[in-house]
Structures are given as C-alpha cells and as structure tokens.
Amino acid sequence: MGFKLPKTALLRNPAQYSVVYRQGKRLRGAHFSLIYIDNDYGFNRLGISVHGVKKAVLRNRMKRIIREFFRLHRDFLPPGKDIVFAVRKECALKNPHEISVAVANAVHNSLPNKNGRRR
C-alpha cells in the first residue's frame, strides 16, 4: 500500500453524493456538516462539498487539507462509510492548521468509533 489516496477512496459522481445526502446521518458543527452512510465496500470513501466560500483558492485549499487529513487518518476511522464533508458558508478558517484541527474535531466528535459508539 502506497502513501497516495486511491481514487476508489473518493466519491466521484453526483449520484454517489445524492445517495449520501438523501439517506445519510447529518452531524452539524461550527464549520462543517458531516453526512455519512454505511457502504458495502469495507473501506471509507470521502466526498467534499465547499459551496459558500467565494474564492477558488480558498475552496481548493480546504479540499486539499480535508483530503490530506482523510488520507493520513483513514486507518483510525470506522471502515465501511461514505463520508461527505460539507463546508459551511460561515467557515472563516484560512490557516491550514486551523482547518485540520476543525476537521479532526468534527470527525472525532461525530463519527462512531470502531466499536460503533459515538465519542
């Protein structure tokens, strides 16, 4: 296994996103909404939605940081989930460290651990 995040670990088309949005569990935080649903693959897949941020540079930076967090921490997340990070319009985080801390808090406080319990 390499260090890259494989394309199979990402939600790639609108139909996959719409299934998560329609049937998933929603958890709202200060900066992110986290929507997740069980999948049949045995590994996690990530989707990122950044709509409210006006500048493309900031949108792409947030997506890169969230993808990197997911790549580094995917072994600690419960397997078999499709997860969508929806960045809220009010998200004013600009520092990469602030964004990664906010993502860590959202994941840690929202998703169930490997035993199925929420933290």
PDB file of N, CA and C in Angstrom:
ATOM      1  N   MET A   1       0.844  -1.183   0.000  1.00  0.00           N
ATOM      2  CA  MET A   1       0.000   0.000   0.000  1.00  0.00           C
ATOM      3  C   MET A   1       0.883   1.237   0.000  1.00  0.00           C
ATOM      4  N   GLY A   2       0.629   2.133  -0.925  1.00  0.00           N
ATOM      5  CA  GLY A   2       1.410   3.350  -1.020  1.00  0.00           C
ATOM      6  C   GLY A   2       0.876   4.433  -0.110  1.00  0.00           C
ATOM      7  N   PHE A   3       1.429   5.600  -0.280  1.00  0.00           N
ATOM      8  CA  PHE A   3       1.025   6.733   0.542  1.00  0.00           C
ATOM      9  C   PHE A   3      -0.072   7.569  -0.105  1.00  0.00           C
ATOM     10  N   LYS A   4      -0.408   7.259  -1.347  1.00  0.00           N
ATOM     11  CA  LYS A   4      -1.426   8.041  -2.043  1.00  0.00           C
ATOM     12  C   LYS A   4      -2.820   7.668  -1.566  1.00  0.00           C
ATOM     13  N   LEU A   5      -3.741   8.577  -1.772  1.00  0.00           N
ATOM     14  CA  LEU A   5      -5.155   8.297  -1.542  1.00  0.00           C
ATOM     15  C   LEU A   5      -5.710   7.780  -2.865  1.00  0.00           C
ATOM     16  N   PRO A   6      -6.117   6.508  -2.925  1.00  0.00           N
ATOM     17  CA  PRO A   6      -6.583   5.972  -4.206  1.00  0.00           C
ATOM     18  C   PRO A   6      -7.900   6.605  -4.635  1.00  0.00           C
ATOM     19  N   LYS A   7      -8.129   6.623  -5.930  1.00  0.00           N
ATOM     20  CA  LYS A   7      -9.368   7.213  -6.446  1.00  0.00           C
ATOM     21  C   LYS A   7     -10.594   6.442  -5.993  1.00  0.00           C
ATOM     22  N   THR A   8     -10.425   5.176  -5.648  1.00  0.00           N
ATOM     23  CA  THR A   8     -11.562   4.403  -5.146  1.00  0.00           C
ATOM     24  C   THR A   8     -12.001   4.875  -3.766  1.00  0.00           C
ATOM     25  N   ALA A   9     -11.163   5.650  -3.080  1.00  0.00           N
ATOM     26  CA  ALA A   9     -11.497   6.157  -1.745  1.00  0.00           C
ATOM     27  C   ALA A   9     -12.224   7.495  -1.811  1.00  0.00           C
ATOM     28  N   LEU A  10     -12.589   7.937  -3.018  1.00  0.00           N
ATOM     29  CA  LEU A  10     -13.291   9.208  -3.173  1.00  0.00           C
ATOM     30  C   LEU A  10     -14.652   8.973  -3.822  1.00  0.00           C
ATOM     31  N   LEU A  11     -15.624   9.770  -3.427  1.00  0.00           N
ATOM     32  CA  LEU A  11     -16.912   9.782  -4.124  1.00  0.00           C
ATOM     33  C   LEU A  11     -16.694  10.561  -5.411  1.00  0.00           C
ATOM     34  N   ARG A  12     -17.041   9.969  -6.545  1.00  0.00           N
ATOM     35  CA  ARG A  12     -16.635  10.556  -7.815  1.00  0.00           C
ATOM     36  C   ARG A  12     -17.758  11.185  -8.626  1.00  0.00           C
ATOM     37  N   ASN A  13     -19.007  10.744  -8.471  1.00  0.00           N
ATOM     38  CA  ASN A  13     -20.048  11.287  -9.337  1.00  0.00           C
ATOM     39  C   ASN A  13     -21.243  11.774  -8.521  1.00  0.00           C
ATOM     40  N   PRO A  14     -22.082  12.600  -9.112  1.00  0.00           N
ATOM     41  CA  PRO A  14     -23.212  13.188  -8.379  1.00  0.00           C
ATOM     42  C   PRO A  14     -24.184  12.165  -7.803  1.00  0.00           C
ATOM     43  N   ALA A  15     -24.329  11.017  -8.439  1.00  0.00           N
ATOM     44  CA  ALA A  15     -25.248  10.003  -7.918  1.00  0.00           C
ATOM     45  C   ALA A  15     -24.778   9.479  -6.563  1.00  0.00           C
ATOM     46  N   GLN A  16     -23.470   9.319  -6.403  1.00  0.00           N
ATOM     47  CA  GLN A  16     -22.938   8.861  -5.116  1.00  0.00           C
ATOM     48  C   GLN A  16     -23.173   9.904  -4.029  1.00  0.00           C
ATOM     49  N   TYR A  17     -22.982  11.168  -4.359  1.00  0.00           N
ATOM     50  CA  TYR A  17     -23.236  12.242  -3.392  1.00  0.00           C
ATOM     51  C   TYR A  17     -24.714  12.292  -3.014  1.00  0.00           C
ATOM     52  N   SER A  18     -25.597  12.148  -4.003  1.00  0.00           N
ATOM     53  CA  SER A  18     -27.022  12.282  -3.711  1.00  0.00           C
ATOM     54  C   SER A  18     -27.517  11.163  -2.808  1.00  0.00           C
ATOM     55  N   VAL A  19     -26.962   9.957  -2.937  1.00  0.00           N
ATOM     56  CA  VAL A  19     -27.342   8.869  -2.033  1.00  0.00           C
ATOM     57  C   VAL A  19     -26.959   9.222  -0.603  1.00  0.00           C
ATOM     58  N   VAL A  20     -25.757   9.750  -0.420  1.00  0.00           N
ATOM     59  CA  VAL A  20     -25.313  10.124   0.928  1.00  0.00           C
ATOM     60  C   VAL A  20     -26.172  11.258   1.468  1.00  0.00           C
ATOM     61  N   TYR A  21     -26.463  12.262   0.651  1.00  0.00           N
ATOM     62  CA  TYR A  21     -27.277  13.389   1.111  1.00  0.00           C
ATOM     63  C   TYR A  21     -28.705  12.956   1.455  1.00  0.00           C
ATOM     64  N   ARG A  22     -29.289  12.050   0.671  1.00  0.00           N
ATOM     65  CA  ARG A  22     -30.678  11.640   0.920  1.00  0.00           C
ATOM     66  C   ARG A  22     -30.812  10.690   2.097  1.00  0.00           C
ATOM     67  N   GLN A  23     -29.892   9.735   2.240  1.00  0.00           N
ATOM     68  CA  GLN A  23     -30.062   8.675   3.227  1.00  0.00           C
ATOM     69  C   GLN A  23     -29.112   8.761   4.412  1.00  0.00           C
ATOM     70  N   GLY A  24     -28.153   9.674   4.378  1.00  0.00           N
ATOM     71  CA  GLY A  24     -27.125   9.704   5.409  1.00  0.00           C
ATOM     72  C   GLY A  24     -27.548  10.385   6.696  1.00  0.00           C
ATOM     73  N   LYS A  25     -26.756  10.154   7.728  1.00  0.00           N
ATOM     74  CA  LYS A  25     -26.947  10.813   9.020  1.00  0.00           C
ATOM     75  C   LYS A  25     -26.173  12.120   8.995  1.00  0.00           C
ATOM     76  N   ARG A  26     -26.805  13.191   9.474  1.00  0.00           N
ATOM     77  CA  ARG A  26     -26.197  14.519   9.435  1.00  0.00           C
ATOM     78  C   ARG A  26     -25.749  14.930  10.822  1.00  0.00           C
ATOM     79  N   LEU A  27     -24.544  15.451  10.885  1.00  0.00           N
ATOM     80  CA  LEU A  27     -23.995  15.980  12.123  1.00  0.00           C
ATOM     81  C   LEU A  27     -23.436  17.359  11.812  1.00  0.00           C
ATOM     82  N   ARG A  28     -23.956  18.353  12.498  1.00  0.00           N
ATOM     83  CA  ARG A  28     -23.553  19.724  12.206  1.00  0.00           C
ATOM     84  C   ARG A  28     -22.556  20.218  13.245  1.00  0.00           C
ATOM     85  N   GLY A  29     -21.528  20.884  12.745  1.00  0.00           N
ATOM     86  CA  GLY A  29     -20.549  21.516  13.607  1.00  0.00           C
ATOM     87  C   GLY A  29     -20.488  22.998  13.296  1.00  0.00           C
ATOM     88  N   ALA A  30     -19.546  23.673  13.907  1.00  0.00           N
ATOM     89  CA  ALA A  30     -19.421  25.109  13.703  1.00  0.00           C
ATOM     90  C   ALA A  30     -18.973  25.441  12.278  1.00  0.00           C
ATOM     91  N   HIS A  31     -18.103  24.622  11.707  1.00  0.00           N
ATOM     92  CA  HIS A  31     -17.529  24.922  10.396  1.00  0.00           C
ATOM     93  C   HIS A  31     -17.933  23.926   9.315  1.00  0.00           C
ATOM     94  N   PHE A  32     -18.337  22.722   9.712  1.00  0.00           N
ATOM     95  CA  PHE A  32     -18.630  21.662   8.759  1.00  0.00           C
ATOM     96  C   PHE A  32     -19.942  20.987   9.112  1.00  0.00           C
ATOM     97  N   SER A  33     -20.589  20.466   8.100  1.00  0.00           N
ATOM     98  CA  SER A  33     -21.630  19.468   8.298  1.00  0.00           C
ATOM     99  C   SER A  33     -21.035  18.157   7.819  1.00  0.00           C
ATOM    100  N   LEU A  34     -21.238  17.126   8.590  1.00  0.00           N
ATOM    101  CA  LEU A  34     -20.703  15.816   8.258  1.00  0.00           C
ATOM    102  C   LEU A  34     -21.892  14.906   7.970  1.00  0.00           C
ATOM    103  N   ILE A  35     -21.931  14.326   6.791  1.00  0.00           N
ATOM    104  CA  ILE A  35     -23.004  13.423   6.410  1.00  0.00           C
ATOM    105  C   ILE A  35     -22.351  12.083   6.099  1.00  0.00           C
ATOM    106  N   TYR A  36     -22.851  11.018   6.732  1.00  0.00           N
ATOM    107  CA  TYR A  36     -22.242   9.719   6.476  1.00  0.00           C
ATOM    108  C   TYR A  36     -23.302   8.635   6.392  1.00  0.00           C
ATOM    109  N   ILE A  37     -22.948   7.580   5.694  1.00  0.00           N
ATOM    110  CA  ILE A  37     -23.836   6.437   5.500  1.00  0.00           C
ATOM    111  C   ILE A  37     -22.953   5.196   5.361  1.00  0.00           C
ATOM    112  N   ASP A  38     -23.471   4.058   5.751  1.00  0.00           N
ATOM    113  CA  ASP A  38     -22.727   2.810   5.587  1.00  0.00           C
ATOM    114  C   ASP A  38     -22.666   2.437   4.106  1.00  0.00           C
ATOM    115  N   ASN A  39     -21.541   1.843   3.718  1.00  0.00           N
ATOM    116  CA  ASN A  39     -21.434   1.323   2.357  1.00  0.00           C
ATOM    117  C   ASN A  39     -21.094  -0.165   2.414  1.00  0.00           C
ATOM    118  N   ASP A  40     -21.084  -0.808   1.278  1.00  0.00           N
ATOM    119  CA  ASP A  40     -20.837  -2.253   1.211  1.00  0.00           C
ATOM    120  C   ASP A  40     -19.411  -2.588   0.801  1.00  0.00           C
ATOM    121  N   TYR A  41     -18.522  -1.613   0.798  1.00  0.00           N
ATOM    122  CA  TYR A  41     -17.188  -1.835   0.261  1.00  0.00           C
ATOM    123  C   TYR A  41     -16.162  -2.269   1.296  1.00  0.00           C
ATOM    124  N   GLY A  42     -16.405  -1.999   2.571  1.00  0.00           N
ATOM    125  CA  GLY A  42     -15.431  -2.363   3.597  1.00  0.00           C
ATOM    126  C   GLY A  42     -14.336  -1.330   3.784  1.00  0.00           C
ATOM    127  N   PHE A  43     -14.377  -0.250   3.022  1.00  0.00           N
ATOM    128  CA  PHE A  43     -13.436   0.853   3.217  1.00  0.00           C
ATOM    129  C   PHE A  43     -14.211   2.154   3.087  1.00  0.00           C
ATOM    130  N   ASN A  44     -13.625   3.217   3.601  1.00  0.00           N
ATOM    131  CA  ASN A  44     -14.283   4.525   3.586  1.00  0.00           C
ATOM    132  C   ASN A  44     -14.079   5.220   2.251  1.00  0.00           C
ATOM    133  N   ARG A  45     -15.085   6.005   1.877  1.00  0.00           N
ATOM    134  CA  ARG A  45     -14.974   6.875   0.709  1.00  0.00           C
ATOM    135  C   ARG A  45     -15.313   8.283   1.151  1.00  0.00           C
ATOM    136  N   LEU A  46     -14.613   9.244   0.601  1.00  0.00           N
ATOM    137  CA  LEU A  46     -14.728  10.638   1.010  1.00  0.00           C
ATOM    138  C   LEU A  46     -15.304  11.488  -0.106  1.00  0.00           C
ATOM    139  N   GLY A  47     -16.183  12.401   0.273  1.00  0.00           N
ATOM    140  CA  GLY A  47     -16.680  13.427  -0.629  1.00  0.00           C
ATOM    141  C   GLY A  47     -16.564  14.771   0.066  1.00  0.00           C
ATOM    142  N   ILE A  48     -16.265  15.808  -0.684  1.00  0.00           N
ATOM    143  CA  ILE A  48     -16.095  17.145  -0.114  1.00  0.00           C
ATOM    144  C   ILE A  48     -16.955  18.114  -0.903  1.00  0.00           C
ATOM    145  N   SER A  49     -17.707  18.925  -0.179  1.00  0.00           N
ATOM    146  CA  SER A  49     -18.563  19.930  -0.795  1.00  0.00           C
ATOM    147  C   SER A  49     -18.246  21.280  -0.166  1.00  0.00           C
ATOM    148  N   VAL A  50     -17.706  22.188  -0.970  1.00  0.00           N
ATOM    149  CA  VAL A  50     -17.362  23.528  -0.490  1.00  0.00           C
ATOM    150  C   VAL A  50     -18.103  24.518  -1.379  1.00  0.00           C
ATOM    151  N   HIS A  51     -19.250  25.027  -0.906  1.00  0.00           N
ATOM    152  CA  HIS A  51     -20.055  25.908  -1.749  1.00  0.00           C
ATOM    153  C   HIS A  51     -19.986  27.370  -1.355  1.00  0.00           C
ATOM    154  N   GLY A  52     -19.981  27.676  -0.094  1.00  0.00           N
ATOM    155  CA  GLY A  52     -20.153  29.057   0.323  1.00  0.00           C
ATOM    156  C   GLY A  52     -18.914  29.915   0.247  1.00  0.00           C
ATOM    157  N   VAL A  53     -17.755  29.323   0.035  1.00  0.00           N
ATOM    158  CA  VAL A  53     -16.511  30.084   0.020  1.00  0.00           C
ATOM    159  C   VAL A  53     -16.337  30.687  -1.368  1.00  0.00           C
ATOM    160  N   LYS A  54     -16.195  32.003  -1.421  1.00  0.00           N
ATOM    161  CA  LYS A  54     -16.210  32.710  -2.706  1.00  0.00           C
ATOM    162  C   LYS A  54     -14.965  32.468  -3.560  1.00  0.00           C
ATOM    163  N   LYS A  55     -13.794  32.504  -2.941  1.00  0.00           N
ATOM    164  CA  LYS A  55     -12.564  32.434  -3.724  1.00  0.00           C
ATOM    165  C   LYS A  55     -12.158  30.990  -3.978  1.00  0.00           C
ATOM    166  N   ALA A  56     -11.847  30.695  -5.227  1.00  0.00           N
ATOM    167  CA  ALA A  56     -11.480  29.336  -5.620  1.00  0.00           C
ATOM    168  C   ALA A  56     -10.214  28.874  -4.913  1.00  0.00           C
ATOM    169  N   VAL A  57      -9.301  29.794  -4.658  1.00  0.00           N
ATOM    170  CA  VAL A  57      -8.062  29.433  -3.972  1.00  0.00           C
ATOM    171  C   VAL A  57      -8.373  28.867  -2.589  1.00  0.00           C
ATOM    172  N   LEU A  58      -9.280  29.513  -1.857  1.00  0.00           N
ATOM    173  CA  LEU A  58      -9.642  29.037  -0.523  1.00  0.00           C
ATOM    174  C   LEU A  58     -10.439  27.740  -0.589  1.00  0.00           C
ATOM    175  N   ARG A  59     -11.348  27.629  -1.558  1.00  0.00           N
ATOM    176  CA  ARG A  59     -12.118  26.381  -1.713  1.00  0.00           C
ATOM    177  C   ARG A  59     -11.191  25.205  -1.964  1.00  0.00           C
ATOM    178  N   ASN A  60     -10.265  25.379  -2.889  1.00  0.00           N
ATOM    179  CA  ASN A  60      -9.355  24.291  -3.233  1.00  0.00           C
ATOM    180  C   ASN A  60      -8.406  23.969  -2.089  1.00  0.00           C
ATOM    181  N   ARG A  61      -7.990  24.981  -1.343  1.00  0.00           N
ATOM    182  CA  ARG A  61      -7.120  24.751  -0.188  1.00  0.00           C
ATOM    183  C   ARG A  61      -7.844  23.910   0.856  1.00  0.00           C
ATOM    184  N   MET A  62      -9.112  24.247   1.134  1.00  0.00           N
ATOM    185  CA  MET A  62      -9.885  23.466   2.108  1.00  0.00           C
ATOM    186  C   MET A  62     -10.041  22.025   1.647  1.00  0.00           C
ATOM    187  N   LYS A  63     -10.311  21.837   0.361  1.00  0.00           N
ATOM    188  CA  LYS A  63     -10.457  20.477  -0.156  1.00  0.00           C
ATOM    189  C   LYS A  63      -9.153  19.694  -0.024  1.00  0.00           C
ATOM    190  N   ARG A  64      -8.033  20.334  -0.329  1.00  0.00           N
ATOM    191  CA  ARG A  64      -6.740  19.658  -0.199  1.00  0.00           C
ATOM    192  C   ARG A  64      -6.462  19.258   1.239  1.00  0.00           C
ATOM    193  N   ILE A  65      -6.739  20.158   2.181  1.00  0.00           N
ATOM    194  CA  ILE A  65      -6.457  19.873   3.590  1.00  0.00           C
ATOM    195  C   ILE A  65      -7.365  18.757   4.106  1.00  0.00           C
ATOM    196  N   ILE A  66      -8.637  18.772   3.729  1.00  0.00           N
ATOM    197  CA  ILE A  66      -9.558  17.715   4.166  1.00  0.00           C
ATOM    198  C   ILE A  66      -9.150  16.371   3.566  1.00  0.00           C
ATOM    199  N   ARG A  67      -8.781  16.360   2.282  1.00  0.00           N
ATOM    200  CA  ARG A  67      -8.315  15.112   1.655  1.00  0.00           C
ATOM    201  C   ARG A  67      -7.066  14.586   2.340  1.00  0.00           C
ATOM    202  N   GLU A  68      -6.146  15.482   2.672  1.00  0.00           N
ATOM    203  CA  GLU A  68      -4.904  15.075   3.336  1.00  0.00           C
ATOM    204  C   GLU A  68      -5.189  14.512   4.725  1.00  0.00           C
ATOM    205  N   PHE A  69      -6.095  15.147   5.467  1.00  0.00           N
ATOM    206  CA  PHE A  69      -6.468  14.627   6.781  1.00  0.00           C
ATOM    207  C   PHE A  69      -7.049  13.221   6.636  1.00  0.00           C
ATOM    208  N   PHE A  70      -7.936  13.048   5.676  1.00  0.00           N
ATOM    209  CA  PHE A  70      -8.556  11.745   5.449  1.00  0.00           C
ATOM    210  C   PHE A  70      -7.503  10.705   5.070  1.00  0.00           C
ATOM    211  N   ARG A  71      -6.557  11.078   4.224  1.00  0.00           N
ATOM    212  CA  ARG A  71      -5.507  10.148   3.805  1.00  0.00           C
ATOM    213  C   ARG A  71      -4.664   9.701   4.989  1.00  0.00           C
ATOM    214  N   LEU A  72      -4.312  10.650   5.857  1.00  0.00           N
ATOM    215  CA  LEU A  72      -3.444  10.328   6.989  1.00  0.00           C
ATOM    216  C   LEU A  72      -4.162   9.570   8.100  1.00  0.00           C
ATOM    217  N   HIS A  73      -5.465   9.778   8.243  1.00  0.00           N
ATOM    218  CA  HIS A  73      -6.190   9.213   9.378  1.00  0.00           C
ATOM    219  C   HIS A  73      -7.220   8.156   8.997  1.00  0.00           C
ATOM    220  N   ARG A  74      -7.205   7.660   7.788  1.00  0.00           N
ATOM    221  CA  ARG A  74      -8.261   6.731   7.384  1.00  0.00           C
ATOM    222  C   ARG A  74      -8.192   5.403   8.118  1.00  0.00           C
ATOM    223  N   ASP A  75      -7.032   5.042   8.672  1.00  0.00           N
ATOM    224  CA  ASP A  75      -6.944   3.801   9.445  1.00  0.00           C
ATOM    225  C   ASP A  75      -7.617   3.926  10.805  1.00  0.00           C
ATOM    226  N   PHE A  76      -7.805   5.146  11.293  1.00  0.00           N
ATOM    227  CA  PHE A  76      -8.414   5.358  12.603  1.00  0.00           C
ATOM    228  C   PHE A  76      -9.926   5.538  12.522  1.00  0.00           C
ATOM    229  N   LEU A  77     -10.458   5.702  11.324  1.00  0.00           N
ATOM    230  CA  LEU A  77     -11.894   5.887  11.143  1.00  0.00           C
ATOM    231  C   LEU A  77     -12.573   4.525  11.031  1.00  0.00           C
ATOM    232  N   PRO A  78     -13.830   4.428  11.460  1.00  0.00           N
ATOM    233  CA  PRO A  78     -14.524   3.147  11.313  1.00  0.00           C
ATOM    234  C   PRO A  78     -14.699   2.818   9.834  1.00  0.00           C
ATOM    235  N   PRO A  79     -14.381   1.593   9.418  1.00  0.00           N
ATOM    236  CA  PRO A  79     -14.433   1.256   7.990  1.00  0.00           C
ATOM    237  C   PRO A  79     -15.861   1.092   7.485  1.00  0.00           C
ATOM    238  N   GLY A  80     -16.006   1.226   6.181  1.00  0.00           N
ATOM    239  CA  GLY A  80     -17.286   0.968   5.536  1.00  0.00           C
ATOM    240  C   GLY A  80     -18.255   2.133   5.565  1.00  0.00           C
ATOM    241  N   LYS A  81     -17.746   3.369   5.449  1.00  0.00           N
ATOM    242  CA  LYS A  81     -18.608   4.550   5.466  1.00  0.00           C
ATOM    243  C   LYS A  81     -18.339   5.400   4.228  1.00  0.00           C
ATOM    244  N   ASP A  82     -19.408   5.994   3.697  1.00  0.00           N
ATOM    245  CA  ASP A  82     -19.280   7.079   2.729  1.00  0.00           C
ATOM    246  C   ASP A  82     -19.462   8.362   3.524  1.00  0.00           C
ATOM    247  N   ILE A  83     -18.475   9.232   3.489  1.00  0.00           N
ATOM    248  CA  ILE A  83     -18.467  10.437   4.318  1.00  0.00           C
ATOM    249  C   ILE A  83     -18.397  11.658   3.416  1.00  0.00           C
ATOM    250  N   VAL A  84     -19.295  12.617   3.631  1.00  0.00           N
ATOM    251  CA  VAL A  84     -19.255  13.881   2.899  1.00  0.00           C
ATOM    252  C   VAL A  84     -19.025  15.000   3.904  1.00  0.00           C
ATOM    253  N   PHE A  85     -17.975  15.778   3.680  1.00  0.00           N
ATOM    254  CA  PHE A  85     -17.725  16.999   4.437  1.00  0.00           C
ATOM    255  C   PHE A  85     -18.348  18.138   3.652  1.00  0.00           C
ATOM    256  N   ALA A  86     -19.331  18.788   4.215  1.00  0.00           N
ATOM    257  CA  ALA A  86     -19.932  19.964   3.592  1.00  0.00           C
ATOM    258  C   ALA A  86     -19.462  21.175   4.382  1.00  0.00           C
ATOM    259  N   VAL A  87     -18.630  21.993   3.766  1.00  0.00           N
ATOM    260  CA  VAL A  87     -18.097  23.180   4.432  1.00  0.00           C
ATOM    261  C   VAL A  87     -19.184  24.235   4.461  1.00  0.00           C
ATOM    262  N   ARG A  88     -19.419  24.802   5.628  1.00  0.00           N
ATOM    263  CA  ARG A  88     -20.473  25.800   5.797  1.00  0.00           C
ATOM    264  C   ARG A  88     -20.025  27.151   5.248  1.00  0.00           C
ATOM    265  N   LYS A  89     -20.990  27.964   4.862  1.00  0.00           N
ATOM    266  CA  LYS A  89     -20.683  29.284   4.303  1.00  0.00           C
ATOM    267  C   LYS A  89     -19.934  30.159   5.291  1.00  0.00           C
ATOM    268  N   GLU A  90     -20.237  29.994   6.575  1.00  0.00           N
ATOM    269  CA  GLU A  90     -19.638  30.853   7.597  1.00  0.00           C
ATOM    270  C   GLU A  90     -18.202  30.464   7.925  1.00  0.00           C
ATOM    271  N   CYS A  91     -17.697  29.418   7.327  1.00  0.00           N
ATOM    272  CA  CYS A  91     -16.357  28.946   7.661  1.00  0.00           C
ATOM    273  C   CYS A  91     -15.336  30.012   7.282  1.00  0.00           C
ATOM    274  N   ALA A  92     -14.700  30.572   8.291  1.00  0.00           N
ATOM    275  CA  ALA A  92     -13.737  31.644   8.067  1.00  0.00           C
ATOM    276  C   ALA A  92     -12.314  31.175   8.340  1.00  0.00           C
ATOM    277  N   LEU A  93     -12.101  29.877   8.358  1.00  0.00           N
ATOM    278  CA  LEU A  93     -10.772  29.349   8.634  1.00  0.00           C
ATOM    279  C   LEU A  93      -9.892  29.525   7.406  1.00  0.00           C
ATOM    280  N   LYS A  94      -8.758  30.116   7.595  1.00  0.00           N
ATOM    281  CA  LYS A  94      -7.850  30.340   6.476  1.00  0.00           C
ATOM    282  C   LYS A  94      -6.504  29.653   6.689  1.00  0.00           C
ATOM    283  N   ASN A  95      -6.130  29.464   7.928  1.00  0.00           N
ATOM    284  CA  ASN A  95      -4.873  28.825   8.269  1.00  0.00           C
ATOM    285  C   ASN A  95      -5.021  27.306   8.100  1.00  0.00           C
ATOM    286  N   PRO A  96      -4.099  26.636   7.419  1.00  0.00           N
ATOM    287  CA  PRO A  96      -4.213  25.184   7.245  1.00  0.00           C
ATOM    288  C   PRO A  96      -4.287  24.426   8.568  1.00  0.00           C
ATOM    289  N   HIS A  97      -3.569  24.906   9.569  1.00  0.00           N
ATOM    290  CA  HIS A  97      -3.616  24.238  10.874  1.00  0.00           C
ATOM    291  C   HIS A  97      -5.005  24.354  11.493  1.00  0.00           C
ATOM    292  N   GLU A  98      -5.625  25.527  11.394  1.00  0.00           N
ATOM    293  CA  GLU A  98      -6.979  25.707  11.929  1.00  0.00           C
ATOM    294  C   GLU A  98      -7.971  24.785  11.226  1.00  0.00           C
ATOM    295  N   ILE A  99      -7.836  24.657   9.918  1.00  0.00           N
ATOM    296  CA  ILE A  99      -8.747  23.805   9.158  1.00  0.00           C
ATOM    297  C   ILE A  99      -8.576  22.350   9.573  1.00  0.00           C
ATOM    298  N   SER A 100      -7.326  21.884   9.681  1.00  0.00           N
ATOM    299  CA  SER A 100      -7.114  20.481  10.042  1.00  0.00           C
ATOM    300  C   SER A 100      -7.569  20.190  11.467  1.00  0.00           C
ATOM    301  N   VAL A 101      -7.417  21.148  12.393  1.00  0.00           N
ATOM    302  CA  VAL A 101      -7.914  20.957  13.761  1.00  0.00           C
ATOM    303  C   VAL A 101      -9.435  20.895  13.764  1.00  0.00           C
ATOM    304  N   ALA A 102     -10.090  21.755  12.990  1.00  0.00           N
ATOM    305  CA  ALA A 102     -11.555  21.740  12.917  1.00  0.00           C
ATOM    306  C   ALA A 102     -12.057  20.434  12.304  1.00  0.00           C
ATOM    307  N   VAL A 103     -11.368  19.924  11.288  1.00  0.00           N
ATOM    308  CA  VAL A 103     -11.746  18.646  10.683  1.00  0.00           C
ATOM    309  C   VAL A 103     -11.568  17.517  11.694  1.00  0.00           C
ATOM    310  N   ALA A 104     -10.451  17.530  12.419  1.00  0.00           N
ATOM    311  CA  ALA A 104     -10.212  16.489  13.430  1.00  0.00           C
ATOM    312  C   ALA A 104     -11.289  16.507  14.500  1.00  0.00           C
ATOM    313  N   ASN A 105     -11.672  17.694  14.954  1.00  0.00           N
ATOM    314  CA  ASN A 105     -12.724  17.791  15.967  1.00  0.00           C
ATOM    315  C   ASN A 105     -14.059  17.300  15.428  1.00  0.00           C
ATOM    316  N   ALA A 106     -14.369  17.649  14.188  1.00  0.00           N
ATOM    317  CA  ALA A 106     -15.637  17.210  13.594  1.00  0.00           C
ATOM    318  C   ALA A 106     -15.684  15.693  13.484  1.00  0.00           C
ATOM    319  N   VAL A 107     -14.600  15.091  13.042  1.00  0.00           N
ATOM    320  CA  VAL A 107     -14.564  13.635  12.892  1.00  0.00           C
ATOM    321  C   VAL A 107     -14.573  12.959  14.255  1.00  0.00           C
ATOM    322  N   HIS A 108     -13.755  13.458  15.159  1.00  0.00           N
ATOM    323  CA  HIS A 108     -13.630  12.822  16.475  1.00  0.00           C
ATOM    324  C   HIS A 108     -14.937  12.874  17.250  1.00  0.00           C
ATOM    325  N   ASN A 109     -15.650  13.986  17.170  1.00  0.00           N
ATOM    326  CA  ASN A 109     -16.875  14.149  17.945  1.00  0.00           C
ATOM    327  C   ASN A 109     -18.105  13.588  17.255  1.00  0.00           C
ATOM    328  N   SER A 110     -18.022  13.295  15.975  1.00  0.00           N
ATOM    329  CA  SER A 110     -19.221  12.948  15.224  1.00  0.00           C
ATOM    330  C   SER A 110     -19.327  11.483  14.851  1.00  0.00           C
ATOM    331  N   LEU A 111     -18.281  10.953  14.258  1.00  0.00           N
ATOM    332  CA  LEU A 111     -18.378   9.588  13.743  1.00  0.00           C
ATOM    333  C   LEU A 111     -18.265   8.570  14.869  1.00  0.00           C
ATOM    334  N   PRO A 112     -18.973   7.453  14.742  1.00  0.00           N
ATOM    335  CA  PRO A 112     -18.811   6.400  15.743  1.00  0.00           C
ATOM    336  C   PRO A 112     -17.420   5.793  15.642  1.00  0.00           C
ATOM    337  N   ASN A 113     -16.912   5.310  16.772  1.00  0.00           N
ATOM    338  CA  ASN A 113     -15.601   4.672  16.740  1.00  0.00           C
ATOM    339  C   ASN A 113     -15.749   3.252  16.206  1.00  0.00           C
ATOM    340  N   LYS A 114     -14.684   2.478  16.253  1.00  0.00           N
ATOM    341  CA  LYS A 114     -14.726   1.138  15.673  1.00  0.00           C
ATOM    342  C   LYS A 114     -15.676   0.211  16.421  1.00  0.00           C
ATOM    343  N   ASN A 115     -16.039   0.550  17.663  1.00  0.00           N
ATOM    344  CA  ASN A 115     -16.996  -0.254  18.431  1.00  0.00           C
ATOM    345  C   ASN A 115     -18.430   0.152  18.158  1.00  0.00           C
ATOM    346  N   GLY A 116     -18.641   1.183  17.336  1.00  0.00           N
ATOM    347  CA  GLY A 116     -19.979   1.626  16.997  1.00  0.00           C
ATOM    348  C   GLY A 116     -20.535   2.707  17.902  1.00  0.00           C
ATOM    349  N   ARG A 117     -19.753   3.177  18.857  1.00  0.00           N
ATOM    350  CA  ARG A 117     -20.221   4.223  19.765  1.00  0.00           C
ATOM    351  C   ARG A 117     -19.690   5.575  19.334  1.00  0.00           C
ATOM    352  N   ARG A 118     -20.521   6.599  19.514  1.00  0.00           N
ATOM    353  CA  ARG A 118     -20.052   7.959  19.244  1.00  0.00           C
ATOM    354  C   ARG A 118     -19.258   8.444  20.422  1.00  0.00           C
ATOM    355  N   ARG A 119     -18.289   9.293  20.157  1.00  0.00           N
ATOM    356  CA  ARG A 119     -17.409   9.803  21.215  1.00  0.00           C
ATOM    357  C   ARG A 119     -18.010  10.975  21.913  1.00  0.00           C
TER     358      ARG A 119
END
